C-alpha atoms as a PDB file:
ATOM      1  CA  UNK A   1       8.121   1.026 -15.968  1.00  0.00           C
ATOM      2  CA  UNK A   2       8.501   2.049 -12.359  1.00  0.00           C
ATOM      3  CA  UNK A   3       5.356   3.256 -10.533  1.00  0.00           C
ATOM      4  CA  UNK A   4       5.625   5.361  -7.311  1.00  0.00           C
ATOM      5  CA  UNK A   5       2.400   5.739  -5.432  1.00  0.00           C
ATOM      6  CA  UNK A   6       1.246   8.543  -3.113  1.00  0.00           C
ATOM      7  CA  UNK A   7      -0.521   7.604   0.072  1.00  0.00           C
ATOM      8  CA  UNK A   8      -3.745   9.004  -1.567  1.00  0.00           C
ATOM      9  CA  UNK A   9      -3.266   6.865  -4.684  1.00  0.00           C
ATOM     10  CA  UNK A  10      -2.788   3.705  -2.533  1.00  0.00           C
ATOM     11  CA  UNK A  11      -5.995   4.535  -0.591  1.00  0.00           C
ATOM     12  CA  UNK A  12      -7.989   5.022  -3.791  1.00  0.00           C
ATOM     13  CA  UNK A  13      -6.566   1.896  -5.365  1.00  0.00           C
ATOM     14  CA  UNK A  14      -7.645  -0.144  -2.363  1.00  0.00           C
ATOM     15  CA  UNK A  15     -11.146   1.381  -2.405  1.00  0.00           C
ATOM     16  CA  UNK A  16     -11.693   1.014  -6.121  1.00  0.00           C
ATOM     17  CA  UNK A  17      -9.953  -2.320  -6.746  1.00  0.00           C
ATOM     18  CA  UNK A  18      -7.319  -1.006  -9.058  1.00  0.00           C
ATOM     19  CA  UNK A  19      -3.980  -2.801  -9.226  1.00  0.00           C
ATOM     20  CA  UNK A  20      -0.498  -1.578 -10.174  1.00  0.00           C
ATOM     21  CA  UNK A  21      -0.709  -3.712 -13.344  1.00  0.00           C
ATOM     22  CA  UNK A  22      -3.908  -1.842 -14.319  1.00  0.00           C
ATOM     23  CA  UNK A  23      -2.228   1.508 -13.706  1.00  0.00           C
ATOM     24  CA  UNK A  24       0.685   0.523 -15.983  1.00  0.00           C
ATOM     25  CA  UNK A  25      -1.780  -0.523 -18.733  1.00  0.00           C
ATOM     26  CA  UNK A  26      -3.667   2.809 -18.367  1.00  0.00           C
ATOM     27  CA  UNK A  27      -0.481   4.872 -18.668  1.00  0.00           C
ATOM     28  CA  UNK A  28       0.799   2.955 -21.662  1.00  0.00           C
ATOM     29  CA  UNK A  29      -2.461   2.364 -23.527  1.00  0.00           C
ATOM     30  CA  UNK A  30      -4.948   4.960 -22.278  1.00  0.00           C
ATOM     31  CA  UNK A  31      -5.961   8.275 -23.620  1.00  0.00           C
ATOM     32  CA  UNK A  32      -3.586  10.803 -22.109  1.00  0.00           C
ATOM     33  CA  UNK A  33      -4.458  14.498 -21.507  1.00  0.00           C
ATOM     34  CA  UNK A  34      -1.840  17.020 -20.236  1.00  0.00           C
ATOM     35  CA  UNK A  35      -2.825  18.675 -16.944  1.00  0.00           C
ATOM     36  CA  UNK A  36      -1.358  21.537 -15.014  1.00  0.00           C
ATOM     37  CA  UNK A  37       0.909  19.307 -12.885  1.00  0.00           C
ATOM     38  CA  UNK A  38       1.144  16.125 -14.956  1.00  0.00           C
ATOM     39  CA  UNK A  39      -1.086  13.934 -16.994  1.00  0.00           C
ATOM     40  CA  UNK A  40      -4.461  12.124 -16.783  1.00  0.00           C
ATOM     41  CA  UNK A  41      -4.649   8.704 -18.526  1.00  0.00           C
ATOM     42  CA  UNK A  42      -8.147   7.357 -19.050  1.00  0.00           C
ATOM     43  CA  UNK A  43      -8.504   3.657 -19.822  1.00  0.00           C
ATOM     44  CA  UNK A  44     -11.584   1.466 -19.790  1.00  0.00           C
ATOM     45  CA  UNK A  45     -13.528   2.434 -16.642  1.00  0.00           C
ATOM     46  CA  UNK A  46     -10.933   4.328 -14.664  1.00  0.00           C
ATOM     47  CA  UNK A  47      -8.426   7.208 -14.873  1.00  0.00           C
ATOM     48  CA  UNK A  48      -4.941   7.682 -13.427  1.00  0.00           C
ATOM     49  CA  UNK A  49      -3.477  11.098 -12.547  1.00  0.00           C
ATOM     50  CA  UNK A  50       0.307  11.008 -12.639  1.00  0.00           C
ATOM     51  CA  UNK A  51       3.478  12.899 -13.094  1.00  0.00           C
ATOM     52  CA  UNK A  52       6.665  11.784 -15.023  1.00  0.00           C
ATOM     53  CA  UNK A  53       9.620  11.949 -12.631  1.00  0.00           C
ATOM     54  CA  UNK A  54      12.164  10.813 -15.192  1.00  0.00           C
ATOM     55  CA  UNK A  55      12.173   8.354 -18.098  1.00  0.00           C
ATOM     56  CA  UNK A  56      10.377   5.154 -17.079  1.00  0.00           C
ATOM     57  CA  UNK A  57       9.480   6.531 -13.590  1.00  0.00           C
ATOM     58  CA  UNK A  58       5.911   7.662 -12.894  1.00  0.00           C
ATOM     59  CA  UNK A  59       4.540   9.146  -9.731  1.00  0.00           C
ATOM     60  CA  UNK A  60       0.774   8.247  -9.454  1.00  0.00           C
ATOM     61  CA  UNK A  61      -1.159  10.916  -7.528  1.00  0.00           C
ATOM     62  CA  UNK A  62      -4.592   9.339  -7.621  1.00  0.00           C
ATOM     63  CA  UNK A  63      -6.873   6.962  -9.469  1.00  0.00           C
ATOM     64  CA  UNK A  64     -10.609   7.415 -10.047  1.00  0.00           C
ATOM     65  CA  UNK A  65     -13.387   5.296 -11.462  1.00  0.00           C
ATOM     66  CA  UNK A  66     -15.420   6.961 -14.276  1.00  0.00           C
END
C-alpha cells in the first residue's frame, strides 16, 4: 500500500498525532463511505479522507479526529 499525502494531510497528521501506519490501518480496516471525490474511512477515534489513484496507491487529502 502506497500512501501519498497532501500538504494539508501532513499538517493535520502532525497536529493530531496520526502516523502513516495508522492511516494504512484505517483504510484497510475502517468503515468506508463513498464521498463525492473519494472515500472517508473512519477507524477508532479518527477518519481519513482519501482518493484511490490506482490499485494500491492512495492519496490522502486530510485526517480528522472524531
